[in-house]
N, C-alpha and C. Protein backbone atom coordinates (compact mmCIF):
# COMPACT_ATOMS: atom_id res chain seq x y z
N UNK A 1 95.77 78.39 103.77
CA UNK A 1 94.35 78.55 103.49
C UNK A 1 94.07 78.42 102.01
N UNK A 2 94.93 78.94 101.13
CA UNK A 2 94.70 78.85 99.71
C UNK A 2 94.75 77.41 99.25
N UNK A 3 95.68 76.65 99.81
CA UNK A 3 95.82 75.27 99.42
C UNK A 3 94.56 74.49 99.77
N UNK A 4 93.98 74.71 100.95
CA UNK A 4 92.77 74.02 101.37
C UNK A 4 91.59 74.41 100.48
N UNK A 5 91.48 75.67 100.13
CA UNK A 5 90.37 76.13 99.30
C UNK A 5 90.42 75.47 97.94
N UNK A 6 91.60 75.32 97.36
CA UNK A 6 91.70 74.67 96.07
C UNK A 6 91.22 73.22 96.14
N UNK A 7 91.53 72.52 97.22
CA UNK A 7 91.09 71.14 97.37
C UNK A 7 89.58 71.05 97.47
N UNK A 8 88.99 71.96 98.20
CA UNK A 8 87.53 71.95 98.36
C UNK A 8 86.85 72.19 97.03
N UNK A 9 87.34 73.17 96.26
CA UNK A 9 86.74 73.46 94.96
C UNK A 9 86.88 72.28 94.03
N UNK A 10 88.01 71.60 94.05
CA UNK A 10 88.20 70.44 93.19
C UNK A 10 87.23 69.34 93.57
N UNK A 11 87.05 69.12 94.86
CA UNK A 11 86.13 68.09 95.31
C UNK A 11 84.70 68.42 94.93
N UNK A 12 84.29 69.68 95.09
CA UNK A 12 82.94 70.10 94.73
C UNK A 12 82.69 69.90 93.24
N UNK A 13 83.69 70.28 92.42
CA UNK A 13 83.55 70.13 90.98
C UNK A 13 83.40 68.67 90.60
N UNK A 14 84.14 67.80 91.23
CA UNK A 14 84.05 66.38 90.94
C UNK A 14 82.69 65.84 91.31
N UNK A 15 82.16 66.21 92.47
CA UNK A 15 80.86 65.72 92.93
C UNK A 15 79.75 66.17 91.99
N UNK A 16 79.76 67.38 91.53
CA UNK A 16 78.74 67.88 90.62
C UNK A 16 78.77 67.12 89.31
N UNK A 17 79.95 66.74 88.85
CA UNK A 17 80.06 66.00 87.60
C UNK A 17 79.39 64.66 87.71
N UNK A 18 79.48 64.00 88.83
CA UNK A 18 78.85 62.69 89.02
C UNK A 18 77.33 62.83 89.02
N UNK A 19 76.81 63.85 89.70
CA UNK A 19 75.36 64.03 89.77
C UNK A 19 74.79 64.34 88.41
N UNK A 20 75.45 65.22 87.65
CA UNK A 20 74.95 65.57 86.32
C UNK A 20 74.98 64.35 85.43
N UNK A 21 76.02 63.56 85.50
CA UNK A 21 76.10 62.35 84.69
C UNK A 21 74.98 61.39 85.00
N UNK A 22 74.64 61.29 86.29
CA UNK A 22 73.58 60.37 86.69
C UNK A 22 72.22 60.83 86.22
N UNK A 23 71.99 62.14 86.08
CA UNK A 23 70.69 62.66 85.69
C UNK A 23 70.49 62.63 84.18
N UNK A 24 71.54 62.80 83.40
CA UNK A 24 71.37 62.94 81.96
C UNK A 24 71.34 61.61 81.24
N UNK A 25 72.03 60.59 81.76
CA UNK A 25 72.01 59.32 81.05
C UNK A 25 72.28 58.19 82.02
N UNK A 26 71.86 57.02 81.63
CA UNK A 26 72.12 55.83 82.44
C UNK A 26 73.43 55.24 81.96
N UNK A 27 74.32 55.05 82.83
CA UNK A 27 75.63 54.52 82.46
C UNK A 27 75.83 53.16 83.10
N UNK A 28 76.66 52.38 82.43
CA UNK A 28 77.08 51.12 83.00
C UNK A 28 77.81 51.39 84.30
N UNK A 29 77.43 50.69 85.40
CA UNK A 29 78.02 50.98 86.72
C UNK A 29 79.54 50.94 86.70
N UNK A 30 80.09 49.91 86.00
CA UNK A 30 81.54 49.82 86.00
C UNK A 30 82.16 50.96 85.22
N UNK A 31 81.50 51.33 84.08
CA UNK A 31 82.00 52.45 83.27
C UNK A 31 81.92 53.75 84.05
N UNK A 32 80.78 53.92 84.76
CA UNK A 32 80.60 55.14 85.56
C UNK A 32 81.66 55.22 86.65
N UNK A 33 81.98 54.06 87.24
CA UNK A 33 83.00 54.04 88.30
C UNK A 33 84.35 54.45 87.74
N UNK A 34 84.66 53.90 86.51
CA UNK A 34 85.94 54.25 85.89
C UNK A 34 86.01 55.73 85.57
N UNK A 35 84.89 56.29 85.06
CA UNK A 35 84.86 57.72 84.75
C UNK A 35 85.06 58.56 86.00
N UNK A 36 84.38 58.14 87.07
CA UNK A 36 84.49 58.88 88.33
C UNK A 36 85.91 58.84 88.85
N UNK A 37 86.55 57.65 88.76
CA UNK A 37 87.92 57.52 89.23
C UNK A 37 88.86 58.36 88.38
N UNK A 38 88.60 58.37 87.04
CA UNK A 38 89.44 59.16 86.14
C UNK A 38 89.33 60.63 86.45
N UNK A 39 88.07 61.11 86.69
CA UNK A 39 87.86 62.51 87.03
C UNK A 39 88.54 62.87 88.34
N UNK A 40 88.41 61.96 89.31
CA UNK A 40 89.02 62.20 90.62
C UNK A 40 90.53 62.28 90.53
N UNK A 41 91.12 61.36 89.69
CA UNK A 41 92.57 61.38 89.52
C UNK A 41 93.03 62.66 88.86
N UNK A 42 92.26 63.13 87.85
CA UNK A 42 92.62 64.37 87.16
C UNK A 42 92.58 65.55 88.12
N UNK A 43 91.50 65.59 88.95
CA UNK A 43 91.38 66.68 89.91
C UNK A 43 92.50 66.64 90.93
N UNK A 44 92.87 65.39 91.37
CA UNK A 44 93.95 65.26 92.35
C UNK A 44 95.27 65.73 91.77
N UNK A 45 95.53 65.35 90.49
CA UNK A 45 96.76 65.79 89.83
C UNK A 45 96.83 67.30 89.73
N UNK A 46 95.68 67.94 89.33
CA UNK A 46 95.65 69.39 89.21
C UNK A 46 95.89 70.05 90.56
N UNK A 47 95.26 69.46 91.62
CA UNK A 47 95.42 70.02 92.96
C UNK A 47 96.87 69.96 93.41
N UNK A 48 97.52 68.81 93.13
CA UNK A 48 98.92 68.67 93.52
C UNK A 48 99.80 69.65 92.76
N UNK A 49 99.50 69.83 91.45
CA UNK A 49 100.27 70.78 90.64
C UNK A 49 100.14 72.19 91.17
N UNK A 50 98.87 72.59 91.48
CA UNK A 50 98.62 73.93 92.02
C UNK A 50 99.36 74.12 93.34
N UNK A 51 99.32 73.09 94.18
CA UNK A 51 99.95 73.19 95.50
C UNK A 51 101.46 73.33 95.36
N UNK A 52 102.06 72.55 94.41
CA UNK A 52 103.51 72.63 94.19
C UNK A 52 103.92 73.99 93.68
N UNK A 53 103.13 74.52 92.70
CA UNK A 53 103.43 75.84 92.15
C UNK A 53 103.33 76.91 93.22
N UNK A 54 102.28 76.83 94.06
CA UNK A 54 102.07 77.80 95.12
C UNK A 54 103.22 77.77 96.12
N UNK A 55 103.68 76.55 96.47
CA UNK A 55 104.76 76.40 97.44
C UNK A 55 106.06 76.95 96.87
N UNK A 56 106.32 76.68 95.55
CA UNK A 56 107.55 77.18 94.92
C UNK A 56 107.57 78.70 94.91
N UNK A 57 106.42 79.32 94.55
CA UNK A 57 106.33 80.78 94.52
C UNK A 57 106.53 81.36 95.91
N UNK A 58 105.96 80.68 96.92
CA UNK A 58 106.08 81.15 98.29
C UNK A 58 107.53 81.12 98.75
N UNK A 59 108.27 80.02 98.39
CA UNK A 59 109.66 79.90 98.79
C UNK A 59 110.52 80.97 98.13
N UNK A 60 110.26 81.23 96.81
CA UNK A 60 111.04 82.24 96.11
C UNK A 60 110.80 83.62 96.70
N UNK A 61 109.54 83.92 97.03
CA UNK A 61 109.22 85.22 97.62
C UNK A 61 109.88 85.38 98.98
N UNK A 62 109.92 84.29 99.75
CA UNK A 62 110.51 84.35 101.09
C UNK A 62 112.00 84.61 101.01
N UNK A 63 112.69 83.94 100.04
CA UNK A 63 114.12 84.16 99.88
C UNK A 63 114.41 85.60 99.49
N UNK A 64 113.60 86.16 98.60
CA UNK A 64 113.81 87.53 98.14
C UNK A 64 113.57 88.53 99.26
N UNK A 65 112.57 88.28 100.09
CA UNK A 65 112.23 89.23 101.14
C UNK A 65 113.30 89.30 102.21
N UNK A 66 114.09 88.23 102.35
CA UNK A 66 115.16 88.22 103.33
C UNK A 66 116.26 89.19 102.91
N UNK A 67 116.50 89.34 101.59
CA UNK A 67 117.61 90.13 101.10
C UNK A 67 117.22 91.54 100.70
N UNK A 68 116.04 91.73 100.19
CA UNK A 68 115.68 93.03 99.65
C UNK A 68 114.29 93.48 100.08
N UNK A 69 114.10 94.78 99.99
CA UNK A 69 112.78 95.36 100.16
C UNK A 69 112.38 95.93 98.81
N UNK A 70 111.58 95.20 98.08
CA UNK A 70 111.26 95.59 96.71
C UNK A 70 110.09 96.54 96.68
N UNK A 71 110.16 97.51 95.75
CA UNK A 71 109.02 98.37 95.51
C UNK A 71 108.25 97.83 94.31
N UNK A 72 107.16 98.48 93.94
CA UNK A 72 106.34 98.01 92.83
C UNK A 72 106.72 98.69 91.52
N UNK A 73 107.78 99.46 91.50
CA UNK A 73 108.20 100.16 90.29
C UNK A 73 108.74 99.18 89.26
N UNK A 74 108.33 99.31 88.00
CA UNK A 74 108.85 98.47 86.93
C UNK A 74 109.85 99.26 86.10
N UNK A 75 110.73 98.54 85.38
CA UNK A 75 111.74 99.21 84.57
C UNK A 75 111.13 100.12 83.51
N UNK A 76 109.98 99.71 82.96
CA UNK A 76 109.35 100.48 81.89
C UNK A 76 108.85 101.84 82.36
N UNK A 77 108.58 101.99 83.66
CA UNK A 77 108.06 103.25 84.17
C UNK A 77 109.13 104.11 84.82
N UNK A 78 110.37 103.64 84.81
CA UNK A 78 111.46 104.39 85.44
C UNK A 78 111.99 105.46 84.50
N UNK A 79 112.52 106.57 85.05
CA UNK A 79 113.12 107.61 84.22
C UNK A 79 114.44 107.13 83.63
N UNK A 80 115.04 107.89 82.69
CA UNK A 80 116.30 107.48 82.07
C UNK A 80 117.45 107.30 83.06
N UNK A 81 117.41 108.05 84.16
CA UNK A 81 118.40 107.92 85.21
C UNK A 81 117.64 107.74 86.52
N UNK A 82 117.93 106.70 87.27
CA UNK A 82 117.14 106.45 88.47
C UNK A 82 117.97 105.81 89.57
N UNK A 83 117.46 105.91 90.79
CA UNK A 83 118.07 105.26 91.95
C UNK A 83 117.60 103.82 91.96
N UNK A 84 118.52 102.89 91.74
CA UNK A 84 118.12 101.48 91.63
C UNK A 84 118.11 100.76 92.97
N UNK A 85 119.04 101.10 93.85
CA UNK A 85 119.06 100.44 95.16
C UNK A 85 119.91 101.21 96.16
N UNK A 86 119.69 100.88 97.44
CA UNK A 86 120.44 101.51 98.53
C UNK A 86 120.69 100.49 99.63
N UNK A 87 121.73 100.75 100.40
CA UNK A 87 121.99 99.96 101.62
C UNK A 87 122.07 100.96 102.77
N UNK A 88 120.93 101.30 103.39
CA UNK A 88 120.92 102.31 104.47
C UNK A 88 121.52 101.81 105.77
N UNK A 89 121.46 100.50 106.00
CA UNK A 89 121.87 99.95 107.29
C UNK A 89 122.83 98.78 107.09
N UNK A 90 124.08 99.08 106.68
CA UNK A 90 125.04 98.00 106.43
C UNK A 90 125.40 97.26 107.71
N UNK A 91 125.91 96.06 107.53
CA UNK A 91 126.30 95.27 108.70
C UNK A 91 127.48 95.92 109.41
N UNK A 92 127.45 95.88 110.71
CA UNK A 92 128.50 96.48 111.51
C UNK A 92 128.14 97.87 111.97
N UNK A 93 129.11 98.56 112.54
CA UNK A 93 128.90 99.90 113.06
C UNK A 93 128.80 100.91 111.91
N UNK A 94 127.70 101.65 111.87
CA UNK A 94 127.45 102.58 110.76
C UNK A 94 128.55 103.64 110.63
N UNK A 95 129.04 104.15 111.73
CA UNK A 95 130.00 105.26 111.70
C UNK A 95 131.40 104.83 111.28
N UNK A 96 131.73 103.57 111.46
CA UNK A 96 133.07 103.09 111.09
C UNK A 96 133.10 102.37 109.75
N UNK A 97 131.93 102.08 109.20
CA UNK A 97 131.86 101.40 107.90
C UNK A 97 130.99 102.19 106.94
N UNK A 98 131.33 103.47 106.81
CA UNK A 98 130.52 104.38 105.98
C UNK A 98 130.56 104.00 104.50
N UNK A 99 131.62 103.37 104.05
CA UNK A 99 131.69 103.01 102.64
C UNK A 99 130.85 101.79 102.30
N UNK A 100 130.29 101.15 103.33
CA UNK A 100 129.33 100.07 103.08
C UNK A 100 127.91 100.62 102.95
N UNK A 101 127.75 101.89 103.26
CA UNK A 101 126.47 102.57 103.08
C UNK A 101 126.48 103.18 101.67
N UNK A 102 125.66 102.64 100.78
CA UNK A 102 125.76 103.03 99.37
C UNK A 102 124.39 103.35 98.76
N UNK A 103 124.46 104.16 97.70
CA UNK A 103 123.32 104.42 96.83
C UNK A 103 123.78 104.11 95.41
N UNK A 104 122.99 103.37 94.65
CA UNK A 104 123.37 103.02 93.28
C UNK A 104 122.42 103.70 92.29
N UNK A 105 123.02 104.37 91.31
CA UNK A 105 122.28 105.02 90.24
C UNK A 105 122.46 104.20 88.97
N UNK A 106 121.40 104.00 88.21
CA UNK A 106 121.50 103.25 86.96
C UNK A 106 120.96 104.05 85.80
N UNK A 107 121.51 103.76 84.62
CA UNK A 107 121.08 104.40 83.39
C UNK A 107 120.05 103.52 82.70
N UNK A 108 118.86 104.07 82.51
CA UNK A 108 117.79 103.37 81.81
C UNK A 108 117.58 104.08 80.47
N UNK A 109 118.73 104.28 79.76
CA UNK A 109 118.72 105.11 78.56
C UNK A 109 119.53 104.45 77.46
N UNK A 110 119.21 104.77 76.21
CA UNK A 110 119.93 104.23 75.06
C UNK A 110 121.07 105.13 74.61
N UNK A 111 121.22 106.27 75.24
CA UNK A 111 122.26 107.22 74.87
C UNK A 111 123.10 107.59 76.08
N UNK A 112 124.31 108.06 75.83
CA UNK A 112 125.19 108.49 76.91
C UNK A 112 124.67 109.80 77.51
N UNK A 113 124.98 110.02 78.80
CA UNK A 113 124.51 111.21 79.50
C UNK A 113 125.65 111.88 80.27
N UNK A 114 125.56 113.19 80.37
CA UNK A 114 126.48 113.95 81.22
C UNK A 114 125.78 114.19 82.55
N UNK A 115 126.26 113.52 83.59
CA UNK A 115 125.63 113.63 84.91
C UNK A 115 126.41 114.53 85.86
N UNK A 116 127.46 115.15 85.38
CA UNK A 116 128.21 116.05 86.25
C UNK A 116 127.30 117.22 86.65
N UNK A 117 127.33 117.57 87.92
CA UNK A 117 126.45 118.63 88.41
C UNK A 117 125.12 118.13 88.93
N UNK A 118 124.78 116.87 88.67
CA UNK A 118 123.58 116.28 89.27
C UNK A 118 123.83 116.15 90.77
N UNK A 119 122.75 116.04 91.53
CA UNK A 119 122.92 116.00 92.99
C UNK A 119 122.08 114.89 93.62
N UNK A 120 122.60 114.39 94.73
CA UNK A 120 121.83 113.50 95.60
C UNK A 120 121.49 114.29 96.86
N UNK A 121 120.24 114.29 97.24
CA UNK A 121 119.83 114.92 98.49
C UNK A 121 119.32 113.84 99.45
N UNK A 122 119.93 113.80 100.62
CA UNK A 122 119.57 112.82 101.64
C UNK A 122 118.61 113.46 102.62
N UNK A 123 117.68 112.66 103.14
CA UNK A 123 116.73 113.19 104.12
C UNK A 123 117.41 113.58 105.42
N UNK A 124 118.65 113.14 105.62
CA UNK A 124 119.41 113.52 106.82
C UNK A 124 120.00 114.92 106.69
N UNK A 125 119.83 115.56 105.51
CA UNK A 125 120.26 116.93 105.35
C UNK A 125 121.48 117.14 104.47
N UNK A 126 122.15 116.07 104.08
CA UNK A 126 123.37 116.17 103.27
C UNK A 126 123.03 116.23 101.78
N UNK A 127 123.80 117.01 101.01
CA UNK A 127 123.67 117.07 99.55
C UNK A 127 125.03 116.74 98.93
N UNK A 128 125.02 115.87 97.93
CA UNK A 128 126.26 115.49 97.24
C UNK A 128 126.12 115.81 95.76
N UNK A 129 127.09 116.56 95.21
CA UNK A 129 127.09 116.93 93.79
C UNK A 129 128.04 116.02 93.01
N UNK A 130 127.57 115.47 91.91
CA UNK A 130 128.38 114.56 91.10
C UNK A 130 129.56 115.30 90.47
N UNK A 131 130.75 114.70 90.49
CA UNK A 131 131.95 115.34 89.93
C UNK A 131 132.06 115.17 88.42
N UNK A 132 133.14 115.72 87.84
CA UNK A 132 133.32 115.69 86.39
C UNK A 132 133.60 114.29 85.83
N UNK A 133 133.91 113.35 86.68
CA UNK A 133 134.22 111.99 86.21
C UNK A 133 133.02 111.35 85.51
N UNK A 134 131.82 111.87 85.77
CA UNK A 134 130.62 111.29 85.15
C UNK A 134 130.07 112.21 84.05
N UNK A 135 130.97 112.85 83.29
CA UNK A 135 130.52 113.70 82.19
C UNK A 135 130.05 112.90 80.98
N UNK A 136 130.50 111.65 80.87
CA UNK A 136 130.10 110.81 79.74
C UNK A 136 129.77 109.41 80.26
N UNK A 137 128.53 109.23 80.65
CA UNK A 137 128.09 107.95 81.22
C UNK A 137 127.36 107.15 80.14
N UNK A 138 127.91 106.00 79.74
CA UNK A 138 127.31 105.20 78.66
C UNK A 138 125.95 104.60 79.07
N UNK A 139 125.17 104.15 78.08
CA UNK A 139 123.90 103.46 78.39
C UNK A 139 124.13 102.23 79.25
N UNK A 140 123.15 101.93 80.08
CA UNK A 140 123.17 100.73 80.95
C UNK A 140 124.31 100.75 81.96
N UNK A 141 124.84 101.93 82.25
CA UNK A 141 125.89 102.03 83.26
C UNK A 141 125.28 102.11 84.66
N UNK A 142 126.12 101.92 85.65
CA UNK A 142 125.68 102.14 87.02
C UNK A 142 126.74 102.93 87.78
N UNK A 143 126.28 103.74 88.71
CA UNK A 143 127.15 104.60 89.53
C UNK A 143 126.89 104.26 90.98
N UNK A 144 127.92 103.78 91.67
CA UNK A 144 127.80 103.43 93.07
C UNK A 144 128.39 104.55 93.92
N UNK A 145 127.58 105.10 94.80
CA UNK A 145 128.00 106.25 95.61
C UNK A 145 128.13 105.82 97.07
N UNK A 146 129.36 105.84 97.58
CA UNK A 146 129.63 105.46 98.96
C UNK A 146 129.59 106.69 99.85
N UNK A 147 129.10 106.53 101.04
CA UNK A 147 128.99 107.66 101.96
C UNK A 147 130.33 108.14 102.48
N UNK A 148 131.29 107.22 102.62
CA UNK A 148 132.59 107.56 103.19
C UNK A 148 133.57 108.16 102.20
N UNK A 149 134.84 108.08 102.54
CA UNK A 149 135.90 108.68 101.72
C UNK A 149 136.57 107.62 100.85
N UNK A 150 137.16 108.08 99.74
CA UNK A 150 137.84 107.18 98.82
C UNK A 150 138.07 107.86 97.49
N UNK A 151 138.65 107.12 96.56
CA UNK A 151 138.96 107.67 95.24
C UNK A 151 137.81 107.44 94.28
N UNK A 152 137.42 108.48 93.55
CA UNK A 152 136.41 108.35 92.52
C UNK A 152 137.05 107.72 91.29
N UNK A 153 136.42 106.71 90.74
CA UNK A 153 137.04 106.01 89.62
C UNK A 153 136.02 105.38 88.69
N UNK A 154 136.52 105.04 87.49
CA UNK A 154 135.74 104.34 86.48
C UNK A 154 136.34 102.96 86.28
N UNK A 155 135.48 101.97 86.03
CA UNK A 155 135.98 100.61 85.80
C UNK A 155 136.92 100.59 84.61
N UNK A 156 138.06 99.94 84.76
CA UNK A 156 139.05 99.85 83.69
C UNK A 156 138.69 98.79 82.65
N UNK A 157 137.72 97.95 82.97
CA UNK A 157 137.37 96.85 82.06
C UNK A 157 136.13 97.14 81.22
N UNK A 158 135.09 97.69 81.85
CA UNK A 158 133.84 97.88 81.11
C UNK A 158 133.55 99.34 80.78
N UNK A 159 134.16 100.27 81.51
CA UNK A 159 133.92 101.71 81.34
C UNK A 159 132.45 102.06 81.56
N UNK A 160 131.74 101.20 82.25
CA UNK A 160 130.32 101.47 82.50
C UNK A 160 129.97 101.37 83.98
N UNK A 161 131.00 101.26 84.81
CA UNK A 161 130.79 101.21 86.25
C UNK A 161 131.61 102.33 86.90
N UNK A 162 130.90 103.19 87.61
CA UNK A 162 131.55 104.34 88.24
C UNK A 162 131.43 104.20 89.75
N UNK A 163 132.50 104.56 90.45
CA UNK A 163 132.50 104.53 91.91
C UNK A 163 132.80 105.94 92.43
N UNK A 164 131.87 106.47 93.22
CA UNK A 164 132.03 107.81 93.78
C UNK A 164 131.99 107.74 95.30
N UNK A 165 132.60 108.74 95.95
CA UNK A 165 132.61 108.82 97.41
C UNK A 165 132.18 110.21 97.86
N UNK A 166 131.24 110.25 98.76
CA UNK A 166 130.74 111.53 99.28
C UNK A 166 131.77 112.19 100.18
N UNK A 167 132.51 111.39 100.95
CA UNK A 167 133.50 111.94 101.88
C UNK A 167 132.92 112.36 103.21
N UNK A 168 131.78 111.81 103.55
CA UNK A 168 131.14 112.17 104.82
C UNK A 168 131.81 111.44 105.99
N UNK A 169 131.77 112.06 107.13
CA UNK A 169 132.31 111.44 108.35
C UNK A 169 131.19 110.91 109.23
N UNK A 170 129.96 111.11 108.79
CA UNK A 170 128.81 110.62 109.55
C UNK A 170 127.84 109.89 108.62
N UNK A 171 126.96 109.14 109.21
CA UNK A 171 125.97 108.37 108.47
C UNK A 171 125.04 109.30 107.69
N UNK A 172 124.77 108.95 106.41
CA UNK A 172 123.90 109.76 105.56
C UNK A 172 122.51 109.16 105.38
N UNK A 173 122.42 107.85 105.45
CA UNK A 173 121.14 107.16 105.27
C UNK A 173 120.61 106.69 106.62
N UNK A 174 119.42 107.12 106.94
CA UNK A 174 118.80 106.72 108.21
C UNK A 174 118.44 105.25 108.18
N UNK A 175 118.58 104.59 109.32
CA UNK A 175 118.17 103.19 109.42
C UNK A 175 116.66 103.06 109.58
N UNK A 176 116.02 104.16 109.88
CA UNK A 176 114.56 104.17 110.04
C UNK A 176 113.95 104.75 108.76
N UNK A 177 112.93 105.58 108.87
CA UNK A 177 112.32 106.18 107.69
C UNK A 177 113.30 107.15 107.04
N UNK A 178 113.42 107.07 105.72
CA UNK A 178 114.34 107.94 105.01
C UNK A 178 113.93 108.16 103.57
N UNK A 179 114.63 109.08 102.91
CA UNK A 179 114.37 109.38 101.50
C UNK A 179 115.63 109.90 100.85
N UNK A 180 115.84 109.51 99.60
CA UNK A 180 116.96 110.00 98.81
C UNK A 180 116.41 110.52 97.49
N UNK A 181 116.83 111.73 97.09
CA UNK A 181 116.33 112.34 95.86
C UNK A 181 117.49 112.59 94.90
N UNK A 182 117.27 112.31 93.61
CA UNK A 182 118.23 112.60 92.56
C UNK A 182 117.74 113.81 91.79
N UNK A 183 118.55 114.87 91.75
CA UNK A 183 118.17 116.12 91.10
C UNK A 183 119.12 116.43 89.94
N UNK A 184 118.58 117.06 88.89
CA UNK A 184 119.43 117.47 87.77
C UNK A 184 120.07 118.83 88.08
N UNK A 185 120.77 119.41 87.11
CA UNK A 185 121.48 120.66 87.35
C UNK A 185 120.55 121.83 87.64
N UNK A 186 119.31 121.71 87.19
CA UNK A 186 118.33 122.78 87.42
C UNK A 186 117.60 122.64 88.75
N UNK A 187 117.98 121.62 89.50
CA UNK A 187 117.34 121.40 90.80
C UNK A 187 116.01 120.68 90.70
N UNK A 188 115.72 120.11 89.52
CA UNK A 188 114.46 119.37 89.35
C UNK A 188 114.66 117.91 89.76
N UNK A 189 113.67 117.36 90.42
CA UNK A 189 113.77 115.98 90.89
C UNK A 189 113.61 115.03 89.70
N UNK A 190 114.64 114.22 89.48
CA UNK A 190 114.62 113.22 88.42
C UNK A 190 113.99 111.93 88.94
N UNK A 191 114.36 111.57 90.16
CA UNK A 191 113.84 110.35 90.78
C UNK A 191 114.10 110.44 92.28
N UNK A 192 113.20 109.88 93.06
CA UNK A 192 113.43 109.82 94.51
C UNK A 192 112.81 108.56 95.08
N UNK A 193 113.41 108.08 96.15
CA UNK A 193 112.99 106.83 96.77
C UNK A 193 112.83 107.04 98.27
N UNK A 194 111.69 106.65 98.79
CA UNK A 194 111.45 106.69 100.24
C UNK A 194 111.42 105.25 100.76
N UNK A 195 111.81 105.08 101.99
CA UNK A 195 111.81 103.74 102.58
C UNK A 195 111.49 103.83 104.06
N UNK A 196 111.07 102.72 104.61
CA UNK A 196 110.79 102.63 106.04
C UNK A 196 111.93 101.90 106.73
N UNK A 197 111.75 101.52 107.95
CA UNK A 197 112.80 100.88 108.74
C UNK A 197 113.37 99.65 108.01
N UNK A 198 114.69 99.56 107.96
CA UNK A 198 115.34 98.44 107.27
C UNK A 198 116.22 97.66 108.25
N UNK A 199 116.33 96.37 108.00
CA UNK A 199 117.16 95.52 108.83
C UNK A 199 118.63 95.67 108.44
N UNK A 200 119.50 95.24 109.31
CA UNK A 200 120.94 95.32 109.05
C UNK A 200 121.30 94.48 107.83
N UNK A 201 121.97 95.10 106.88
CA UNK A 201 122.40 94.39 105.67
C UNK A 201 121.33 94.31 104.60
N UNK A 202 120.16 94.83 104.84
CA UNK A 202 119.07 94.73 103.89
C UNK A 202 119.23 95.75 102.76
N UNK A 203 118.85 95.35 101.55
CA UNK A 203 118.94 96.21 100.38
C UNK A 203 117.55 96.77 100.07
N UNK A 204 117.48 98.07 99.87
CA UNK A 204 116.25 98.72 99.43
C UNK A 204 116.36 98.87 97.91
N UNK A 205 115.54 98.15 97.16
CA UNK A 205 115.62 98.17 95.71
C UNK A 205 114.35 98.74 95.10
N UNK A 206 114.52 99.52 94.03
CA UNK A 206 113.36 100.14 93.38
C UNK A 206 112.88 99.34 92.19
N UNK A 207 113.71 98.38 91.70
CA UNK A 207 113.31 97.56 90.57
C UNK A 207 114.07 96.27 90.61
N UNK A 208 113.43 95.18 90.08
CA UNK A 208 114.11 93.89 90.03
C UNK A 208 115.06 93.86 88.86
């Protein structure tokens, strides 16, 4: 519908230009024809450009929507520590692939932070407290928290990627409506994300 509307507006604009030209001055017929053709060509070029841009934007949006569910939150409005993305419904059986169910925390800060004692609260009722391994988290780091069991570790190459495991034996993130809250040591909510039903393998992201 948008593409058709743009064509109609371009055609209307071209027609009005011819009428105004005819009323204000007498032009040589051949010159007037050339002007009209030039105007029509310009309008056609603009219409094609608009249509191409619209189609490109539509394709990019469609590709993104297949992989993620984006919120309207921008990086500038996010707190220094925030939940950047989640995978509530990983591919396969939820109960046997718990480590594919993840929550990622990112640092939106210029200074290092001690996140030990911070907590994640899941709407399913589970609470996970961050261990001492995250006592010194550098700026622009990320912390990936898996629902299942495993070893908590820090990247040996960048020292800015942390991997934590809740150790749960059951699913923590609902495949339907859910919410995850990040709390500091005082129990104050630092950031929380709510989501609706998600498809298998879909990522719930709070920022691009």
